[in-house]
Each structure stands twice: as C-alpha cells, then as structure tokens.
Protein backbone atom coordinates (compact mmCIF):
# COMPACT_ATOMS: atom_id res chain seq x y z
CA MET A 1 0.28 6.99 23.68
CA ASN A 2 -2.95 6.51 21.98
CA LEU A 3 -2.27 7.60 18.35
CA TYR A 4 -5.75 9.76 18.13
CA SER A 5 -4.60 11.67 21.04
CA LEU A 6 -1.14 12.04 19.02
CA LEU A 7 -3.51 13.52 15.79
CA GLU A 8 -6.09 15.38 17.78
CA ALA A 9 -3.44 17.12 19.73
CA ARG A 10 -2.13 18.17 16.07
CA PHE A 11 -5.57 19.53 14.85
CA PRO A 12 -6.17 23.35 14.21
CA ARG A 13 -7.27 25.59 16.97
CA GLU A 14 -9.92 26.66 14.82
CA ALA A 15 -12.57 24.18 14.88
CA GLU A 16 -14.40 25.32 11.70
CA ALA A 17 -11.43 24.56 9.95
CA PRO A 18 -11.90 21.74 7.46
CA ALA A 19 -10.69 18.07 7.43
CA LEU A 20 -12.95 16.07 5.00
CA ILE A 21 -14.23 18.14 1.81
CA LEU A 22 -16.78 15.72 0.05
CA PRO A 23 -17.43 15.15 -3.43
CA GLY A 24 -21.23 16.96 -3.82
CA GLY A 25 -19.72 19.95 -1.29
CA ARG A 26 -20.50 18.64 1.96
CA GLN A 27 -17.47 19.28 4.38
CA LEU A 28 -16.68 18.35 7.76
CA SER A 29 -14.68 20.27 9.78
CA TYR A 30 -12.13 19.19 12.76
CA GLY A 31 -14.42 19.97 15.31
CA ALA A 32 -16.70 17.79 13.88
CA LEU A 33 -14.51 14.80 13.19
CA ALA A 34 -13.75 15.32 16.86
CA THR A 35 -17.18 14.90 17.98
CA ALA A 36 -17.94 12.36 15.25
CA SER A 37 -15.70 10.19 16.47
CA ALA A 38 -16.23 10.66 19.94
CA ARG A 39 -20.04 9.10 19.04
CA TYR A 40 -18.26 6.12 16.73
CA ALA A 41 -15.99 5.38 19.94
CA ALA A 42 -18.92 5.29 22.66
CA LEU A 43 -20.70 3.03 20.04
CA LEU A 44 -18.22 1.11 20.28
CA HIS A 45 -17.94 1.13 24.19
CA GLU A 46 -21.56 1.03 24.45
CA SER A 47 -21.29 -2.57 22.01
CA GLY A 48 -18.47 -4.28 24.09
CA VAL A 49 -15.41 -3.52 22.44
CA ARG A 50 -12.92 -2.98 24.99
CA PRO A 51 -9.09 -2.39 24.72
CA GLY A 52 -7.89 -4.89 22.71
CA ASP A 53 -10.99 -6.35 21.22
CA ARG A 54 -10.96 -6.37 17.55
CA VAL A 55 -13.38 -4.40 15.15
CA ALA A 56 -13.47 -5.72 11.41
CA ALA A 57 -14.90 -3.27 8.89
CA GLN A 58 -15.49 -4.27 4.45
CA VAL A 59 -17.17 -1.10 3.50
CA GLU A 60 -16.47 1.25 0.87
CA LYS A 61 -14.37 4.41 1.24
CA SER A 62 -16.45 7.41 2.98
CA ALA A 63 -16.22 10.03 5.67
CA GLU A 64 -17.58 7.76 8.08
CA ALA A 65 -15.72 4.68 7.70
CA LEU A 66 -13.02 6.89 8.31
CA LEU A 67 -14.44 8.07 11.76
CA LEU A 68 -15.39 4.56 12.69
CA TYR A 69 -11.28 4.13 12.03
CA LEU A 70 -10.57 7.21 14.37
CA GLY A 71 -13.56 6.17 16.76
CA CYS A 72 -11.88 2.56 17.21
CA LEU A 73 -8.57 4.12 18.33
CA ARG A 74 -9.82 5.93 20.75
CA ALA A 75 -12.13 3.48 22.19
CA GLY A 76 -8.69 1.43 22.46
CA GLY A 77 -9.93 -1.22 19.72
CA VAL A 78 -7.69 -3.14 16.95
CA PHE A 79 -8.92 -1.82 13.86
CA LEU A 80 -8.98 -4.61 10.88
CA PRO A 81 -9.77 -2.85 7.57
CA LEU A 82 -11.25 -5.42 4.49
CA ASN A 83 -10.86 -5.13 1.15
CA PRO A 84 -14.32 -4.98 -0.33
CA ALA A 85 -13.48 -7.13 -3.18
CA TYR A 86 -12.63 -9.95 -0.82
CA ARG A 87 -15.28 -12.90 -1.09
CA ARG A 88 -17.49 -14.77 0.95
CA ASN A 89 -14.64 -17.89 1.62
CA GLU A 90 -11.81 -15.11 2.19
CA VAL A 91 -13.97 -12.83 4.94
CA GLU A 92 -15.25 -16.01 6.54
CA TYR A 93 -11.12 -16.87 7.44
CA PHE A 94 -10.61 -13.28 8.36
CA LEU A 95 -13.45 -13.39 10.89
CA GLY A 96 -12.59 -16.67 12.10
CA ASP A 97 -8.78 -16.16 12.68
CA ALA A 98 -9.28 -12.47 14.26
CA GLU A 99 -12.32 -13.01 16.54
CA PRO A 100 -13.73 -9.40 16.00
CA ARG A 101 -16.15 -8.21 18.72
CA LEU A 102 -17.91 -6.02 15.55
CA PHE A 103 -18.15 -6.73 12.02
CA VAL A 104 -19.10 -3.95 9.78
CA CYS A 105 -20.39 -4.51 5.87
CA ASP A 106 -21.53 -3.53 3.10
CA PRO A 107 -25.60 -3.00 3.48
CA ALA A 108 -25.97 -5.16 -0.12
CA ARG A 109 -24.00 -8.29 1.83
CA MET A 110 -25.58 -7.95 4.92
CA ALA A 111 -27.46 -11.39 5.17
CA GLU A 112 -24.08 -13.27 4.25
CA ALA A 113 -22.06 -10.97 6.75
CA GLN A 114 -25.04 -11.80 9.64
CA GLU A 115 -24.26 -15.52 8.74
CA LEU A 116 -20.60 -15.35 8.18
CA ALA A 117 -20.72 -13.72 12.03
CA TRP A 118 -22.59 -16.10 13.13
CA ALA A 119 -20.57 -19.00 12.09
CA ALA A 120 -17.42 -17.34 13.35
CA ARG A 121 -19.42 -16.25 16.69
CA VAL A 122 -18.85 -12.70 16.05
CA PRO A 123 -21.55 -11.07 18.25
CA LEU A 124 -22.54 -7.76 16.50
CA VAL A 125 -23.22 -6.72 12.85
CA HIS A 126 -23.91 -3.40 11.50
CA ASP A 127 -23.66 -2.13 8.16
CA LEU A 128 -22.30 0.98 6.13
CA GLY A 129 -22.67 2.18 2.77
CA ALA A 130 -20.77 4.46 0.94
CA GLY A 131 -23.32 7.36 1.08
CA GLY A 132 -22.90 6.96 5.00
CA GLU A 133 -26.28 4.96 5.55
CA GLY A 134 -26.85 2.26 7.54
CA SER A 135 -27.61 0.77 10.90
CA LEU A 136 -24.08 1.87 11.96
CA ALA A 137 -23.79 5.61 11.09
CA ALA A 138 -27.79 5.64 12.77
CA ALA A 139 -26.67 4.10 15.75
CA ALA A 140 -23.66 6.33 16.52
CA ALA A 141 -25.74 9.47 15.76
CA ARG A 142 -27.39 9.13 19.03
CA MET A 143 -24.26 8.33 21.05
CA PRO A 144 -22.96 11.50 23.35
CA GLU A 145 -20.49 13.55 21.55
CA ASP A 146 -17.90 13.31 24.72
CA PHE A 147 -15.99 10.87 25.11
CA ASP A 148 -12.44 9.95 27.00
CA THR A 149 -10.40 8.50 24.63
CA VAL A 150 -8.91 5.51 26.49
CA PRO A 151 -5.39 5.52 27.02
CA ARG A 152 -2.85 3.18 25.50
CA GLY A 153 1.04 2.34 25.46
CA ALA A 154 2.98 2.47 22.77
CA ASP A 155 3.01 -1.46 22.42
CA ASP A 156 -0.33 -2.46 22.25
CA LEU A 157 -2.41 -3.10 18.93
CA ALA A 158 -4.32 -0.42 16.82
CA ALA A 159 -4.58 -2.15 13.73
CA ILE A 160 -4.08 -5.70 12.17
CA ILE A 161 -3.23 -5.31 8.25
CA TYR A 162 -3.98 -9.19 6.69
CA THR A 163 -1.23 -9.48 4.05
CA SER A 164 -2.38 -10.17 0.31
CA GLY A 165 -1.82 -14.04 0.93
CA THR A 166 -0.15 -14.93 -2.39
CA THR A 167 1.59 -17.65 -0.91
CA GLY A 168 -0.04 -20.03 1.76
CA ARG A 169 -2.51 -18.43 4.41
CA SER A 170 -2.88 -14.48 4.77
CA LYS A 171 -0.87 -13.23 7.49
CA GLY A 172 -2.06 -10.53 10.21
CA ALA A 173 0.30 -7.78 10.66
CA MET A 174 0.12 -6.21 14.16
CA LEU A 175 0.72 -2.84 14.00
CA ALA A 176 0.96 -0.94 17.64
CA HIS A 177 0.34 2.38 18.41
CA GLY A 178 3.59 3.34 18.61
CA HIS A 179 4.78 1.85 15.23
CA LEU A 180 1.91 3.85 13.51
CA ALA A 181 2.69 7.51 15.78
CA ASP A 182 6.43 7.60 15.01
CA ASN A 183 6.01 6.66 11.11
CA ALA A 184 3.54 8.85 11.11
CA LEU A 185 5.78 11.99 12.73
CA ALA A 186 8.43 10.63 10.47
CA LEU A 187 6.77 10.86 7.10
CA HIS A 188 5.29 14.54 8.36
CA ARG A 189 8.87 15.26 8.79
CA CYS A 190 10.34 14.11 6.03
CA TRP A 191 7.70 15.18 3.40
CA GLY A 192 7.79 18.79 4.84
CA PHE A 193 3.93 19.15 5.65
CA ARG A 194 3.25 22.80 6.32
CA GLN A 195 0.85 25.18 7.08
CA GLY A 196 -1.47 25.46 3.72
CA ASP A 197 -1.41 21.94 2.69
CA VAL A 198 -3.54 20.22 1.10
CA LEU A 199 -4.14 16.21 0.02
CA LEU A 200 -5.89 15.17 -2.59
CA HIS A 201 -6.85 11.61 -1.19
CA MET A 202 -8.06 9.58 -3.99
CA LEU A 203 -6.85 5.83 -2.34
CA PRO A 204 -8.50 3.22 -0.87
CA ILE A 205 -8.59 3.50 2.88
CA PHE A 206 -8.43 -0.64 3.66
CA HIS A 207 -4.26 -0.12 2.85
CA VAL A 208 -1.43 1.00 4.82
CA HIS A 209 -1.08 3.35 2.04
CA GLY A 210 -4.14 5.08 2.16
CA LEU A 211 -5.41 4.76 5.62
CA PHE A 212 -2.39 5.00 7.20
CA VAL A 213 0.31 7.32 5.05
CA ALA A 214 -2.14 9.80 3.88
CA SER A 215 -4.81 9.99 6.46
CA HIS A 216 -2.27 10.35 9.37
CA CYS A 217 0.08 12.67 7.43
CA ALA A 218 -2.60 15.11 6.87
CA LEU A 219 -4.31 14.57 10.42
CA ALA A 220 -1.03 14.97 12.22
CA ASN A 221 -0.58 18.38 9.76
CA GLY A 222 -4.43 19.64 10.50
CA SER A 223 -4.77 19.85 7.27
CA PRO A 224 -7.88 19.52 4.69
CA MET A 225 -8.50 16.02 2.75
CA LEU A 226 -9.92 16.55 -0.56
CA PHE A 227 -11.60 12.88 0.33
CA GLU A 228 -12.48 11.06 -2.99
CA PRO A 229 -14.09 7.56 -3.12
CA LYS A 230 -11.57 6.21 -5.57
CA PHE A 231 -9.15 7.27 -8.19
CA ASP A 232 -10.34 9.17 -11.66
CA ALA A 233 -7.87 10.72 -13.57
CA ALA A 234 -10.07 13.56 -15.39
CA ARG A 235 -11.46 14.62 -11.75
CA ALA A 236 -8.05 14.26 -10.45
CA LEU A 237 -6.99 16.92 -12.59
CA ARG A 238 -9.61 18.87 -11.88
CA LEU A 239 -8.94 18.30 -8.52
CA LEU A 240 -5.14 19.44 -8.46
CA ALA A 241 -6.02 22.96 -8.71
CA ARG A 242 -7.06 23.05 -5.07
CA ALA A 243 -4.41 20.31 -3.82
CA THR A 244 -0.66 20.99 -2.69
CA VAL A 245 -0.04 17.28 -1.97
CA PHE A 246 -1.22 13.72 -4.10
CA MET A 247 -0.10 10.36 -3.17
CA GLY A 248 -0.68 7.45 -5.58
CA VAL A 249 0.61 4.28 -6.79
CA PRO A 250 2.04 4.12 -10.30
CA THR A 251 -1.28 3.62 -12.45
CA TYR A 252 -2.91 6.77 -11.25
CA TYR A 253 0.15 8.62 -12.50
CA THR A 254 0.37 6.66 -15.84
CA ARG A 255 -3.15 7.34 -16.34
CA LEU A 256 -2.82 11.04 -15.45
CA LEU A 257 -0.31 11.12 -18.28
CA GLN A 258 -3.05 10.00 -20.55
CA GLU A 259 -4.91 13.17 -19.99
CA PRO A 260 -4.09 16.11 -22.68
CA GLY A 261 -5.17 18.23 -19.71
CA LEU A 262 -2.00 17.50 -17.42
CA THR A 263 0.43 20.42 -18.03
CA ARG A 264 2.13 22.39 -15.73
CA GLU A 265 -0.41 25.24 -15.75
CA ALA A 266 -2.82 22.52 -14.52
CA VAL A 267 -0.36 21.52 -11.33
CA ALA A 268 1.02 24.94 -10.74
CA GLY A 269 -0.30 24.77 -7.33
CA ALA A 270 0.55 21.59 -6.14
CA ARG A 271 4.39 20.69 -4.49
CA LEU A 272 4.16 17.43 -4.23
CA PHE A 273 3.51 14.25 -5.73
CA ILE A 274 4.64 10.99 -4.15
CA SER A 275 4.28 7.51 -5.60
CA GLY A 276 4.39 4.06 -3.91
CA SER A 277 2.48 0.34 -3.45
CA ALA A 278 3.95 -1.16 -7.14
CA PRO A 279 7.41 0.23 -8.63
CA LEU A 280 7.18 3.08 -10.80
CA LEU A 281 8.25 2.78 -14.22
CA PRO A 282 11.58 4.47 -15.16
CA GLU A 283 9.76 5.96 -18.17
CA THR A 284 6.52 7.17 -16.34
CA PHE A 285 9.01 8.91 -14.26
CA ALA A 286 10.96 10.94 -16.80
CA ALA A 287 7.81 11.97 -18.60
CA PHE A 288 5.37 13.23 -15.57
CA ALA A 289 8.45 15.41 -14.94
CA GLU A 290 8.97 16.46 -18.71
CA ARG A 291 5.37 17.78 -18.54
CA THR A 292 4.90 18.79 -15.14
CA GLY A 293 7.85 20.23 -14.02
CA HIS A 294 7.67 17.91 -11.02
CA VAL A 295 9.84 15.15 -9.94
CA ILE A 296 7.71 11.83 -8.28
CA LEU A 297 8.98 11.18 -4.97
CA GLU A 298 8.96 7.36 -4.68
CA ARG A 299 9.34 5.61 -1.08
CA TYR A 300 9.09 2.20 0.20
CA GLY A 301 7.09 0.24 2.81
CA MET A 302 4.72 -2.87 3.11
CA SER A 303 1.80 -3.84 5.42
CA GLU A 304 4.28 -5.23 7.96
CA GLY A 305 5.45 -1.42 9.59
CA GLY A 306 4.06 1.01 7.19
CA MET A 307 7.35 3.04 5.40
CA PHE A 308 10.65 1.96 5.52
CA ALA A 309 12.65 4.49 3.05
CA SER A 310 11.91 7.83 0.86
CA ASN A 311 13.36 9.78 -1.43
CA PRO A 312 14.46 13.11 -0.16
CA LEU A 313 12.12 16.17 -0.38
CA GLU A 314 14.79 17.89 -0.98
CA GLY A 315 18.27 17.23 -3.10
CA GLU A 316 17.85 14.64 -6.00
CA ARG A 317 14.77 11.94 -6.43
CA ARG A 318 16.69 8.89 -7.84
CA ARG A 319 15.15 7.70 -10.84
CA GLY A 320 14.43 3.68 -10.23
CA THR A 321 15.33 3.92 -6.26
CA VAL A 322 13.58 4.75 -2.92
CA GLY A 323 15.93 6.83 -1.59
CA PHE A 324 17.21 6.62 1.78
CA PRO A 325 15.79 4.67 5.51
CA LEU A 326 13.62 7.20 7.45
CA PRO A 327 14.48 8.73 10.39
CA GLY A 328 14.07 5.78 12.85
CA MET A 329 14.81 3.25 10.41
CA GLU A 330 17.72 0.83 9.70
CA ILE A 331 17.83 -0.91 6.41
CA ARG A 332 20.57 -3.55 5.69
CA VAL A 333 20.83 -5.88 2.35
CA ALA A 334 22.17 -8.96 3.58
CA GLY A 335 22.61 -12.41 2.04
CA ALA A 336 21.43 -15.55 2.93
CA ASP A 337 23.33 -15.72 6.79
CA ASP A 338 22.17 -12.46 7.17
CA ARG A 339 25.04 -10.32 7.13
CA PRO A 340 24.93 -6.92 5.35
CA LEU A 341 26.36 -6.99 2.02
CA PRO A 342 28.47 -4.48 0.18
CA ALA A 343 27.04 -1.81 -1.95
CA GLY A 344 26.49 -2.69 -5.52
CA GLU A 345 25.43 -6.36 -4.18
CA ILE A 346 21.85 -7.28 -4.34
CA GLY A 347 20.65 -9.40 -1.33
CA GLN A 348 17.17 -9.07 1.02
CA ILE A 349 16.09 -6.27 1.98
CA GLN A 350 15.81 -6.35 6.14
CA VAL A 351 14.53 -3.58 8.11
CA ARG A 352 14.41 -2.53 11.99
CA GLY A 353 13.20 0.30 14.27
CA ARG A 354 14.51 2.83 16.44
CA GLU A 355 17.28 1.36 18.70
CA GLY A 356 16.87 -2.11 17.40
CA ALA A 357 12.71 -2.36 18.14
CA PRO A 358 11.13 -4.83 15.28
CA VAL A 359 9.16 -2.56 12.88
CA PHE A 360 5.86 -4.50 13.96
CA ALA A 361 4.70 -6.53 16.70
CA GLY A 362 4.36 -9.93 14.48
CA TYR A 363 2.03 -11.75 13.18
CA TRP A 364 -1.53 -12.30 14.78
CA ARG A 365 -2.08 -15.45 16.19
CA MET A 366 1.77 -16.91 14.44
CA ALA A 367 4.36 -16.89 16.66
CA GLU A 368 6.37 -19.14 14.77
CA ARG A 369 6.03 -17.30 11.69
CA THR A 370 6.76 -14.29 13.13
CA ARG A 371 10.08 -15.89 14.63
CA GLN A 372 11.28 -16.79 11.06
CA GLU A 373 10.89 -13.87 9.80
CA PHE A 374 12.94 -11.67 12.54
CA SER A 375 16.83 -12.24 12.35
CA ALA A 376 18.45 -12.76 15.61
CA ASP A 377 19.52 -9.26 15.98
CA GLY A 378 15.72 -7.79 15.35
CA TYR A 379 16.04 -7.54 11.67
CA PHE A 380 12.10 -8.15 9.66
CA ARG A 381 13.22 -10.52 6.42
CA THR A 382 10.89 -8.12 4.12
CA GLY A 383 11.13 -10.89 1.06
CA ASP A 384 12.07 -8.00 -1.45
CA LEU A 385 15.60 -7.93 -3.07
CA GLY A 386 17.63 -5.06 -3.60
CA CYS A 387 20.58 -3.62 -3.43
CA PHE A 388 22.31 0.21 -2.65
CA ASP A 389 23.98 2.34 -4.87
CA ALA A 390 27.53 3.50 -4.14
CA ASP A 391 25.61 7.16 -2.36
CA GLY A 392 23.55 5.47 -0.49
CA TYR A 393 20.03 4.54 -2.55
CA LEU A 394 18.10 1.79 -2.35
CA ALA A 395 16.75 0.44 -5.36
CA ILE A 396 13.79 -2.43 -5.13
CA VAL A 397 14.96 -5.52 -8.04
CA GLY A 398 11.70 -7.51 -6.94
CA ARG A 399 10.29 -9.88 -4.75
CA GLY A 400 12.64 -13.30 -3.11
CA LYS A 401 9.40 -15.43 -4.49
CA ASP A 402 9.57 -13.73 -7.96
CA LEU A 403 13.36 -14.32 -8.21
CA VAL A 404 13.71 -16.65 -11.28
CA ILE A 405 16.47 -18.85 -10.64
CA SER A 406 17.51 -20.84 -14.43
CA GLY A 407 19.54 -23.59 -14.80
CA GLY A 408 21.14 -22.42 -11.47
CA LEU A 409 21.75 -18.60 -12.16
CA ASN A 410 19.74 -16.64 -10.47
CA VAL A 411 17.67 -13.91 -12.95
CA TYR A 412 16.11 -10.62 -11.63
CA PRO A 413 12.86 -9.76 -13.20
CA LYS A 414 12.93 -6.15 -12.75
CA GLU A 415 16.26 -6.17 -14.74
CA VAL A 416 14.77 -8.17 -17.88
CA GLU A 417 11.45 -5.93 -17.32
CA GLU A 418 13.27 -2.29 -17.64
CA ALA A 419 14.90 -4.16 -21.04
CA ILE A 420 11.30 -4.90 -22.50
CA ASP A 421 9.87 -1.86 -21.55
CA ALA A 422 12.47 0.18 -23.37
CA LEU A 423 11.55 -0.97 -26.39
CA PRO A 424 9.21 0.52 -29.17
CA GLY A 425 5.92 -0.28 -28.80
CA VAL A 426 5.76 -2.13 -25.32
CA ALA A 427 3.53 -0.27 -23.00
CA GLU A 428 4.78 -2.84 -19.91
CA SER A 429 5.48 -5.90 -18.79
CA ALA A 430 6.26 -8.82 -16.09
CA VAL A 431 8.43 -11.28 -16.06
CA ILE A 432 7.96 -14.85 -14.18
CA GLY A 433 9.74 -18.43 -14.26
CA LEU A 434 7.90 -21.16 -15.71
CA PRO A 435 8.59 -24.72 -15.03
CA HIS A 436 11.29 -25.64 -17.38
CA PRO A 437 12.51 -29.61 -17.89
CA ASP A 438 16.25 -28.90 -18.63
CA LEU A 439 16.62 -25.64 -16.75
CA GLY A 440 14.23 -25.79 -13.52
CA GLU A 441 12.76 -22.95 -14.58
CA ALA A 442 12.61 -20.92 -17.78
CA VAL A 443 12.15 -16.70 -18.19
CA ALA A 444 8.70 -16.18 -19.61
CA ALA A 445 8.01 -12.37 -20.42
CA VAL A 446 4.21 -11.14 -20.68
CA VAL A 447 3.95 -8.14 -22.52
CA VAL A 448 1.19 -5.22 -22.99
CA ARG A 449 1.73 -3.70 -26.26
CA ARG A 450 1.35 0.35 -26.43
CA PRO A 451 -1.83 1.05 -28.34
CA GLY A 452 -1.12 2.38 -31.78
CA SER A 453 2.24 1.67 -31.66
CA ALA A 454 4.04 -1.20 -33.69
CA ALA A 455 5.46 -3.74 -31.07
CA PRO A 456 7.51 -6.89 -32.19
CA ASP A 457 6.29 -10.09 -32.32
CA ALA A 458 7.79 -13.01 -29.91
CA ALA A 459 10.51 -13.68 -31.88
CA GLY A 460 11.56 -10.05 -32.79
CA LEU A 461 11.24 -8.96 -28.93
CA ILE A 462 13.77 -11.74 -28.11
CA ALA A 463 15.98 -10.62 -30.82
CA ALA A 464 15.89 -6.99 -29.82
CA LEU A 465 16.80 -8.20 -26.18
CA ARG A 466 19.62 -10.18 -27.22
CA PRO A 467 22.46 -7.44 -27.29
CA ARG A 468 21.41 -6.38 -24.15
CA LEU A 469 21.19 -8.92 -21.95
CA ALA A 470 23.23 -12.31 -21.04
CA GLY A 471 21.78 -15.52 -22.97
CA PHE A 472 20.83 -17.10 -19.88
CA LYS A 473 18.49 -13.82 -19.03
CA LEU A 474 16.55 -13.74 -22.36
CA PRO A 475 13.01 -15.07 -22.46
CA LYS A 476 12.24 -18.45 -23.59
CA ALA A 477 8.34 -17.48 -23.96
CA VAL A 478 6.48 -14.18 -24.63
CA PHE A 479 2.78 -13.86 -23.95
CA PHE A 480 0.76 -10.87 -25.09
CA VAL A 481 -1.88 -9.90 -23.11
CA GLU A 482 -4.41 -6.59 -23.12
CA GLU A 483 -3.43 -5.81 -19.61
CA LEU A 484 -1.65 -6.78 -16.84
CA PRO A 485 -3.42 -8.12 -13.23
CA ARG A 486 -3.12 -5.95 -10.69
CA ASN A 487 -4.58 -5.82 -6.84
CA ALA A 488 -6.14 -2.59 -5.57
CA MET A 489 -2.76 -1.53 -4.66
CA GLY A 490 -1.40 -1.52 -8.24
CA LYS A 491 0.77 -4.33 -8.01
CA VAL A 492 1.78 -6.62 -10.41
CA GLN A 493 -0.04 -10.27 -9.70
CA LYS A 494 2.40 -12.46 -10.65
CA ASN A 495 1.11 -15.43 -9.06
CA GLN A 496 -2.03 -15.35 -11.36
CA LEU A 497 0.71 -15.15 -14.75
CA ARG A 498 2.42 -17.96 -13.08
CA GLN A 499 -0.95 -20.06 -13.05
CA ARG A 500 -2.76 -18.61 -16.35
CA PHE A 501 0.74 -19.61 -18.74
CA ALA A 502 1.84 -22.64 -16.54
CA LEU A 503 3.26 -24.98 -19.02
CA ASP A 504 3.28 -28.73 -19.20
CA GLY A 505 6.79 -29.38 -17.58
CA ALA A 506 7.47 -32.13 -20.14
CA GLU A 507 7.68 -29.49 -22.70
CA PRO A 508 10.04 -26.31 -22.67
CA PRO A 509 8.11 -22.97 -23.08
CA ARG A 510 7.92 -21.76 -26.30
CA SER A 511 7.92 -18.59 -27.83
C-alpha cells in the first residue's frame, strides 16, 4: 500500500516518456524519475531514516525537492514539507514538535538550520537549492539506482502537513498512504485524466494543493508536468499552449485576466481549469468564462484530508459552489449538536471517508485535540460553514471563526463580501468582526478599489449596500487598502486584518 508503488504502477511503459519538463529545456523522464527517487530513498535509508521517521524539508520548489518527497515515500519515511517563508521561531517549533531524523534546508539558511537542528536534537542536516544544488543532491547522486520500496500499510503515515496556526499552535495533520492514494485515484477519475494530458504545474509544493493534488494526478496518469518554480501570468499564458490541464488558486485567475493575450485562441488546447485553496469570486468565474470559453471547476478540501468535494467534469459547474462530495466521501452540514441540517440552512461542514472512516489520522501528538475535532460518529468538523442547495451543490459561506455575531445575530462574511464586490469600482473585499461596546462585534469591511475606477467612499459604499442587506449586516466601519494580505495559497489572512484594524473597545467603529 506504499503510495509510491501505486503511482509507479501507473507510470508509462516507455521509460523515456517525459515526467518533468523544466525551465531552460531540461527534462526528466519517468525512467529517470524512478531511478533518481531510488537514489534519494537509498540516501535516506543510509542516513538512518526508518519507517515512520520524519523528514522535514524547507526548500524552494525544484525537481530535486519532488524527488526527495518520492524518495521519502519509498523509504517509508514521513514527509514534512515546510513553507520557505517560515521564520526562525516557526521552524524551531516544527522541528521540536515533529522531531525529524533529517532536516533539509535552503543553502542560504544552512547555519541557522544547523543551530536549530542541534537544539531540537535533529541528527542530520542537508541543504538543497532551487537549482538542485546542495549537499543532499550531491550525496544522492552517489547512491545506487535500485531500491526496494518499503512496504507500508494503508494506515501508515506518509506525510504531516502543519496547518497555518492562525489561532493557537500549528497542528500537524497526519496523512496516511491510504488517505493519499484514495484521494489521488478519486480526483484522477473525477477530473477525467486521460492519455495525452499535460499539466501546467505552477503551484508551490509545500502544500496539499501542489504536492498532492496536482502532482499525484499527473503521476497517476503518467502525464508530463510543465514544472515551473512559481506562478507568472505572462509565462503561464505562453505555456498554456502546450498544456491541457491547469490548477491554480483564485489569484492566478485574476492575474491571468489582466493579460491582454488571454483569449479563446490562446487556450484552445486546454481542456480543464481547476481552482481551489480559497474562494473564487463570482466575478472572476464569469469573466474567465467569457474571455476563454472555459468554465473553471471549483473544488473544496483542506490540509486535513486532502480533497472532499468537486464540481462535476460533465454537467453544470455552479458558480459560488464547490459541487458534490467526491466518491468515497460523505459530507453533511450540521448544527451545534452534530445533527444534519436540511438544504438551505447554514451550518458546520463535516466530512468522513468511505464506510465511516476518518478523512485523516488526526493531529500529531495532539490526541485530545483530535478527539475534539471529530464527532461521535466519525465526522471531522472542518470549521467551515456552508449549506447545500436543493440540487445537492455545496456552498462555502466562510470559516466558523470568521463568523461575526453582531447584537446576537449571525452575519456570514461571504454574503456581505459578495454584495460589496458587486459595487462599481470595487475590486474585492474582506469582511471581519471588530469589538463593539454595544453589539459585541461590529461588521467591518476592508475594501480594495479597482484601479482606474471611481469607487465610492465609506459613506457611499454603506449607502449603496443599504437596499441590499439587512441593517444588522451593514458595515459599521469601512477601511480602504491597496491589497488584502494573503498566504501562499491565496487565502485572505483575516486574522491580520483584525489585528491591523483593531479598535479601542471603548468607542464604536467609525467609517
């Protein structure tokens, strides 16, 4: 049940078939992928990595970084990808919590990495650069090119993904070989991967979206990946002439729409555009369809468990929804008592796997937190709020922690954001709750004006919303910013906005 073995069984029969097509013309075939990943697995084994040991990597995206991941799977290790943007104190926490056998870092941070590793009793440190340079790749090159992939069970851990930790300590979501394998095959099937597909891969690989969703789909199909170090709209537009599938976050699509060359002809060879990791604005959804003739397929998932739902490949991809549960997934919208709510009612989204199985193995070394996050009948409480419509499409309303309770009444930020975003001159918005002496929380809007457009001022914006929203939903404060803070996957960091615009509780927010 080793995930690598499942993927390798689906590689092309022709060893020279391209796997990774890299900038500058370099290519790595599927045969070379198998050989190189064996070298990395052999290196890990020689370095003392045994089944279940953690391997932490805080490196830039590269072919070698992907080979390290595959080699870790083959050696039976547990891969721990870390965002290169994490700072010293964050890395210190992850190393102390996960206790990896090996820490792989960027060459520029080697001195700091060795210091942190020593303090956390991590036995070995290697470096790996964005161009594939460094001690790790050099050591792997000296290893034999044959390695017997270590057998693993479906419940054995393959990876730990730390959540963003916007509230309290970051939690390590434990993902097993069986979880990742089932998810990969379900997505491969639902999104219709076929012979001849080419994936344009511009996502980071320290996250579920790029490392698992995108890479696993391509590898399970034996498809080439145009493997780019990062997203660049102009380059994406050029490469889309060679690709059939593109996966991105909403920000990628808004930036593509700013490219004059984005036309139906420019993407004539593509068959599927997928969006996730953050909500897709209805305006972006409509504009992309009009410009390209392609309807973006939006899906839903999270670090805990991978993907849960997707709009259909065939049939209506409904704007503002994430579609239906994936095969093998059960999703319900429940109240505070974990009882399912009828269609149309907003509640907490809860998920579980096939035959009642949990969607992930829980949080690393947080047994009590794990118990709290699962219902008595095995559903994971995602913390997301949503509702099903009459046709069974799931819509995400927002995060439970982002819910604004104003004067005892629930205000769902997405509803207010959609009303604001529809106003002339508004590019996008984020709605948050701020302390209020009378209401408990006041609705506040953080707004980005559209360049070159006449956007309303605060008073005008509130006046324009008044006919569209109930009074208790109207913003009591409006702040204008150049851009909204986002994490690497495009999600708006509302905790930062709440900190930035926190007001003195003695006075009500003002526009």
